């Protein structure tokens, strides 16, 4: 009975937003903050994105050879709870400040965003990964 009630309440919550993409400027300066854009859409079930782990990897890194790798850790953006760092709209984009370390060598890299999530009544959890090629300059 409790499981049925929990399932019903989950579906009663209606659709929710989920992160479905990320973009960044083509060129960024090391040691300076830039704005990456998280894109969101409406999902038919309750969907919670908890946060984004930001990383910088080689531009030629084969994602299938290193599934789940974000490269050099750049930071974390909290998206959940009473005090999220940013509020993700139900559909649209939101800007997030990311900083490339001052000691990062100039060159071409992949900016990687790993977004952790929980989906609906099933309770499935995981990460979605998004990347954008950026040029790091001095």
Protein backbone atom coordinates (compact mmCIF):
# COMPACT_ATOMS: atom_id res chain seq x y z
CA UNK A 1 0.00 0.00 0.00
CA UNK A 2 2.80 2.43 0.92
CA UNK A 3 4.64 1.69 -2.33
CA UNK A 4 1.46 2.40 -4.30
CA UNK A 5 1.02 5.68 -2.43
CA UNK A 6 4.65 6.66 -3.05
CA UNK A 7 4.28 5.89 -6.76
CA UNK A 8 1.04 7.89 -6.99
CA UNK A 9 2.64 10.89 -5.26
CA UNK A 10 5.61 10.77 -7.60
CA UNK A 11 3.36 10.91 -10.66
CA UNK A 12 1.18 13.56 -9.05
CA UNK A 13 4.23 15.79 -8.83
CA UNK A 14 4.00 16.17 -12.61
CA UNK A 15 6.67 17.00 -15.10
CA UNK A 16 10.01 18.42 -14.04
CA UNK A 17 12.98 20.06 -15.71
CA UNK A 18 16.12 18.17 -16.55
CA UNK A 19 19.49 19.28 -17.89
CA UNK A 20 19.86 18.17 -21.50
CA UNK A 21 22.82 20.16 -22.75
CA UNK A 22 25.66 22.58 -22.06
CA UNK A 23 27.48 25.23 -24.06
CA UNK A 24 30.47 27.47 -23.41
CA UNK A 25 32.38 30.29 -25.11
CA UNK A 26 34.81 29.12 -27.79
CA UNK A 27 37.72 30.93 -26.09
CA UNK A 28 38.38 31.42 -22.36
CA UNK A 29 41.31 32.94 -20.45
CA UNK A 30 43.11 30.88 -17.87
CA UNK A 31 42.69 32.22 -14.35
CA UNK A 32 39.42 33.97 -15.22
CA UNK A 33 35.77 33.04 -14.76
CA UNK A 34 33.51 32.54 -17.77
CA UNK A 35 29.85 31.68 -18.16
CA UNK A 36 28.82 28.21 -19.28
CA UNK A 37 25.15 27.70 -20.19
CA UNK A 38 23.14 24.72 -18.92
CA UNK A 39 20.15 23.91 -21.14
CA UNK A 40 17.01 22.35 -19.68
CA UNK A 41 13.77 20.82 -20.93
CA UNK A 42 10.62 19.44 -19.37
CA UNK A 43 10.62 15.73 -18.57
CA UNK A 44 7.36 13.79 -18.21
CA UNK A 45 8.29 12.36 -14.78
CA UNK A 46 9.67 13.84 -11.60
CA UNK A 47 13.35 14.46 -12.40
CA UNK A 48 15.93 15.94 -10.03
CA UNK A 49 19.34 17.20 -11.10
CA UNK A 50 21.43 17.45 -7.94
CA UNK A 51 24.52 19.18 -9.20
CA UNK A 52 27.18 19.51 -11.87
CA UNK A 53 30.82 18.46 -11.60
CA UNK A 54 32.92 20.61 -13.96
CA UNK A 55 36.13 19.35 -15.52
CA UNK A 56 38.63 20.06 -18.26
CA UNK A 57 39.98 17.19 -20.37
CA UNK A 58 42.16 16.81 -23.44
CA UNK A 59 40.24 17.63 -26.60
CA UNK A 60 41.18 14.26 -28.12
CA UNK A 61 40.06 12.17 -25.12
CA UNK A 62 37.88 9.31 -26.37
CA UNK A 63 34.76 9.38 -24.17
CA UNK A 64 34.12 5.66 -24.67
CA UNK A 65 37.66 4.85 -23.50
CA UNK A 66 37.12 6.84 -20.30
CA UNK A 67 33.38 6.81 -19.58
CA UNK A 68 32.56 9.11 -16.70
CA UNK A 69 35.87 11.00 -16.81
CA UNK A 70 35.69 14.77 -16.42
CA UNK A 71 39.44 15.42 -16.52
CA UNK A 72 40.90 18.10 -14.28
CA UNK A 73 38.35 19.08 -11.64
CA UNK A 74 37.27 22.71 -11.99
CA UNK A 75 34.43 22.91 -9.50
CA UNK A 76 30.93 21.87 -8.46
CA UNK A 77 27.60 23.66 -8.89
CA UNK A 78 24.80 22.72 -6.48
CA UNK A 79 21.39 22.62 -8.20
CA UNK A 80 19.26 21.10 -5.45
CA UNK A 81 17.80 21.78 -2.02
CA UNK A 82 16.99 24.97 -0.19
CA UNK A 83 20.15 26.82 -1.24
CA UNK A 84 21.13 25.87 -4.80
CA UNK A 85 23.95 27.82 -6.44
CA UNK A 86 21.70 28.37 -9.48
CA UNK A 87 18.03 27.67 -10.20
CA UNK A 88 17.51 25.63 -13.38
CA UNK A 89 14.41 26.82 -15.28
CA UNK A 90 11.82 24.24 -16.36
CA UNK A 91 12.75 24.97 -19.97
CA UNK A 92 15.52 27.24 -21.19
CA UNK A 93 19.07 28.10 -20.13
CA UNK A 94 20.88 29.24 -17.02
CA UNK A 95 24.38 30.67 -16.79
CA UNK A 96 26.97 29.16 -14.44
CA UNK A 97 30.32 30.71 -13.58
CA UNK A 98 33.29 28.37 -14.16
CA UNK A 99 36.97 29.23 -13.73
CA UNK A 100 39.92 27.68 -15.55
CA UNK A 101 42.91 27.52 -13.17
CA UNK A 102 45.66 30.10 -13.74
CA UNK A 103 48.25 27.33 -14.19
CA UNK A 104 46.33 25.59 -17.00
CA UNK A 105 48.46 25.33 -20.14
CA UNK A 106 47.01 27.15 -23.17
CA UNK A 107 45.46 24.93 -25.82
CA UNK A 108 42.31 23.17 -26.96
CA UNK A 109 40.31 21.25 -24.34
CA UNK A 110 36.89 19.76 -23.67
CA UNK A 111 34.90 21.45 -20.93
CA UNK A 112 32.96 18.58 -19.33
CA UNK A 113 29.81 18.91 -17.21
CA UNK A 114 28.74 15.80 -15.29
CA UNK A 115 25.17 16.27 -14.00
CA UNK A 116 23.97 13.88 -11.28
CA UNK A 117 20.26 12.99 -11.29
CA UNK A 118 17.38 10.96 -9.81
CA UNK A 119 14.37 9.95 -11.94
CA UNK A 120 10.76 9.38 -10.87
CA UNK A 121 9.20 6.43 -9.10
CA UNK A 122 11.94 4.05 -10.22
CA UNK A 123 14.58 5.89 -8.22
CA UNK A 124 17.13 5.50 -11.02
CA UNK A 125 20.26 7.58 -10.39
CA UNK A 126 23.25 8.40 -12.54
CA UNK A 127 25.19 11.06 -14.39
CA UNK A 128 24.61 12.71 -17.75
CA UNK A 129 27.76 14.09 -19.39
CA UNK A 130 27.94 17.09 -21.70
CA UNK A 131 30.99 18.69 -23.29
CA UNK A 132 32.01 21.69 -25.30
CA UNK A 133 35.35 22.29 -27.03
CA UNK A 134 37.08 25.42 -25.72
CA UNK A 135 40.37 27.17 -26.44
CA UNK A 136 42.24 28.19 -23.28
CA UNK A 137 44.40 31.28 -23.78
CA UNK A 138 46.82 33.27 -21.61
